[in-house]
Amino acid sequence: MFAAALRAEPSIFVEDVETAEPQVLNREYEKKYFGHRALIHAHIRQDGQLWGILQPCIFGHPRIWTEYERGVINNLVEKITPFIVDYVKSAFD
């Protein structure tokens, strides 16, 4: 998923970690280190650079992400990106 974020691919919506394809995520790694069952890997990018990843998740059961929810997340990422960039840059001032 991180490689997809670096390549500026669209955010990833995983409905069930248990059944996700290996090219989408490493199931064992997700289970061992995170324990969530469904997640969104939203890529925060600006001017070709990755600034962060927003990762809301669900524990305990799968989750079907509706088109509406996907739109909300994509709009949210668009709105918060300038604030994230400013915040990260401020750490180096």
C-alpha atoms as a PDB file:
ATOM      1  CA  MET A   1       0.000   0.000   0.000  1.00  0.00           C
ATOM      2  CA  PHE A   2       2.835   2.368   0.787  1.00  0.00           C
ATOM      3  CA  ALA A   3       4.326   1.758  -2.657  1.00  0.00           C
ATOM      4  CA  ALA A   4       0.964   2.678  -4.192  1.00  0.00           C
ATOM      5  CA  ALA A   5       0.999   5.921  -2.208  1.00  0.00           C
ATOM      6  CA  LEU A   6       4.514   6.719  -3.449  1.00  0.00           C
ATOM      7  CA  ARG A   7       3.426   6.042  -7.030  1.00  0.00           C
ATOM      8  CA  ALA A   8       0.527   8.518  -6.590  1.00  0.00           C
ATOM      9  CA  GLU A   9      -2.076   5.821  -7.134  1.00  0.00           C
ATOM     10  CA  PRO A  10      -5.609   6.430  -5.845  1.00  0.00           C
ATOM     11  CA  SER A  11      -6.375   5.775  -2.200  1.00  0.00           C
ATOM     12  CA  ILE A  12      -7.037   2.148  -1.321  1.00  0.00           C
ATOM     13  CA  PHE A  13     -10.293   0.990   0.267  1.00  0.00           C
ATOM     14  CA  VAL A  14      -9.939  -2.468   1.817  1.00  0.00           C
ATOM     15  CA  GLU A  15     -13.254  -4.028   2.784  1.00  0.00           C
ATOM     16  CA  ASP A  16     -11.785  -7.143   4.395  1.00  0.00           C
ATOM     17  CA  VAL A  17      -8.119  -7.650   5.264  1.00  0.00           C
ATOM     18  CA  GLU A  18      -8.790 -11.405   5.472  1.00  0.00           C
ATOM     19  CA  THR A  19      -9.785 -11.662   1.804  1.00  0.00           C
ATOM     20  CA  ALA A  20      -7.759  -8.847   0.221  1.00  0.00           C
ATOM     21  CA  GLU A  21      -5.547  -9.797  -2.691  1.00  0.00           C
ATOM     22  CA  PRO A  22      -1.807 -10.117  -1.922  1.00  0.00           C
ATOM     23  CA  GLN A  23      -1.004  -7.358  -4.444  1.00  0.00           C
ATOM     24  CA  VAL A  24      -3.182  -4.982  -2.371  1.00  0.00           C
ATOM     25  CA  LEU A  25      -1.734  -5.694   1.075  1.00  0.00           C
ATOM     26  CA  ASN A  26       0.310  -8.117   3.122  1.00  0.00           C
ATOM     27  CA  ARG A  27      -2.373  -9.869   5.193  1.00  0.00           C
ATOM     28  CA  GLU A  28      -0.002 -11.344   7.768  1.00  0.00           C
ATOM     29  CA  TYR A  29       1.721  -8.007   8.349  1.00  0.00           C
ATOM     30  CA  GLU A  30      -1.620  -6.206   8.755  1.00  0.00           C
ATOM     31  CA  LYS A  31      -2.914  -8.853  11.172  1.00  0.00           C
ATOM     32  CA  LYS A  32       0.288  -8.974  13.226  1.00  0.00           C
ATOM     33  CA  TYR A  33       0.942  -5.241  13.586  1.00  0.00           C
ATOM     34  CA  PHE A  34      -2.452  -3.573  13.227  1.00  0.00           C
ATOM     35  CA  GLY A  35      -5.258  -6.048  13.838  1.00  0.00           C
ATOM     36  CA  HIS A  36      -7.831  -4.123  11.860  1.00  0.00           C
ATOM     37  CA  ARG A  37     -10.267  -5.865   9.576  1.00  0.00           C
ATOM     38  CA  ALA A  38     -11.183  -3.087   7.134  1.00  0.00           C
ATOM     39  CA  LEU A  39      -9.302   0.097   6.304  1.00  0.00           C
ATOM     40  CA  ILE A  40      -8.792   3.032   4.029  1.00  0.00           C
ATOM     41  CA  HIS A  41      -5.256   3.948   2.977  1.00  0.00           C
ATOM     42  CA  ALA A  42      -5.806   7.545   1.854  1.00  0.00           C
ATOM     43  CA  HIS A  43      -2.794   9.116   0.174  1.00  0.00           C
ATOM     44  CA  ILE A  44      -2.063  12.736   1.085  1.00  0.00           C
ATOM     45  CA  ARG A  45      -0.055  14.092  -1.844  1.00  0.00           C
ATOM     46  CA  GLN A  46       0.763  17.509  -3.220  1.00  0.00           C
ATOM     47  CA  ASP A  47       2.939  18.492  -6.176  1.00  0.00           C
ATOM     48  CA  GLY A  48       4.081  14.919  -6.720  1.00  0.00           C
ATOM     49  CA  GLN A  49       5.195  14.410  -3.125  1.00  0.00           C
ATOM     50  CA  LEU A  50       3.718  12.145  -0.471  1.00  0.00           C
ATOM     51  CA  TRP A  51       3.080  14.096   2.731  1.00  0.00           C
ATOM     52  CA  GLY A  52       1.141  11.550   4.735  1.00  0.00           C
ATOM     53  CA  ILE A  53      -1.405   8.771   4.851  1.00  0.00           C
ATOM     54  CA  LEU A  54      -4.799   8.968   6.506  1.00  0.00           C
ATOM     55  CA  GLN A  55      -5.797   5.484   7.619  1.00  0.00           C
ATOM     56  CA  PRO A  56      -9.227   5.130   9.172  1.00  0.00           C
ATOM     57  CA  CYS A  57      -9.981   1.523  10.051  1.00  0.00           C
ATOM     58  CA  ILE A  58     -12.519  -0.884  11.501  1.00  0.00           C
ATOM     59  CA  PHE A  59     -11.693  -3.644  13.987  1.00  0.00           C
ATOM     60  CA  GLY A  60     -13.508  -6.923  14.410  1.00  0.00           C
ATOM     61  CA  HIS A  61     -15.503  -7.155  11.180  1.00  0.00           C
ATOM     62  CA  PRO A  62     -15.333  -6.318   7.474  1.00  0.00           C
ATOM     63  CA  ARG A  63     -16.797  -3.080   6.128  1.00  0.00           C
ATOM     64  CA  ILE A  64     -18.246  -2.305   2.735  1.00  0.00           C
ATOM     65  CA  TRP A  65     -17.158   1.224   1.754  1.00  0.00           C
ATOM     66  CA  THR A  66     -19.993   2.891  -0.150  1.00  0.00           C
ATOM     67  CA  GLU A  67     -19.465   5.250  -3.067  1.00  0.00           C
ATOM     68  CA  TYR A  68     -20.669   8.057  -0.821  1.00  0.00           C
ATOM     69  CA  GLU A  69     -18.056   7.230   1.840  1.00  0.00           C
ATOM     70  CA  ARG A  70     -15.347   6.953  -0.791  1.00  0.00           C
ATOM     71  CA  GLY A  71     -16.292  10.398  -2.050  1.00  0.00           C
ATOM     72  CA  VAL A  72     -16.285  11.822   1.475  1.00  0.00           C
ATOM     73  CA  ILE A  73     -12.797  10.447   2.153  1.00  0.00           C
ATOM     74  CA  ASN A  74     -11.452  11.699  -1.173  1.00  0.00           C
ATOM     75  CA  ASN A  75     -12.937  15.159  -0.539  1.00  0.00           C
ATOM     76  CA  LEU A  76     -11.597  15.161   3.018  1.00  0.00           C
ATOM     77  CA  VAL A  77      -8.089  14.327   1.824  1.00  0.00           C
ATOM     78  CA  GLU A  78      -8.295  17.137  -0.728  1.00  0.00           C
ATOM     79  CA  LYS A  79      -9.385  19.616   1.970  1.00  0.00           C
ATOM     80  CA  ILE A  80      -6.822  18.646   4.630  1.00  0.00           C
ATOM     81  CA  THR A  81      -3.807  18.315   2.342  1.00  0.00           C
ATOM     82  CA  PRO A  82      -2.724  21.989   2.535  1.00  0.00           C
ATOM     83  CA  PHE A  83      -2.935  21.865   6.349  1.00  0.00           C
ATOM     84  CA  ILE A  84      -0.913  18.634   6.495  1.00  0.00           C
ATOM     85  CA  VAL A  85       1.758  20.083   4.207  1.00  0.00           C
ATOM     86  CA  ASP A  86       1.995  23.257   6.306  1.00  0.00           C
ATOM     87  CA  TYR A  87       2.175  21.220   9.516  1.00  0.00           C
ATOM     88  CA  VAL A  88       4.962  18.959   8.231  1.00  0.00           C
ATOM     89  CA  LYS A  89       6.921  21.900   6.834  1.00  0.00           C
ATOM     90  CA  SER A  90       6.609  23.721  10.184  1.00  0.00           C
ATOM     91  CA  ALA A  91       8.495  20.880  11.877  1.00  0.00           C
ATOM     92  CA  PHE A  92      11.575  21.901   9.869  1.00  0.00           C
ATOM     93  CA  ASP A  93      11.365  25.653  10.498  1.00  0.00           C
END
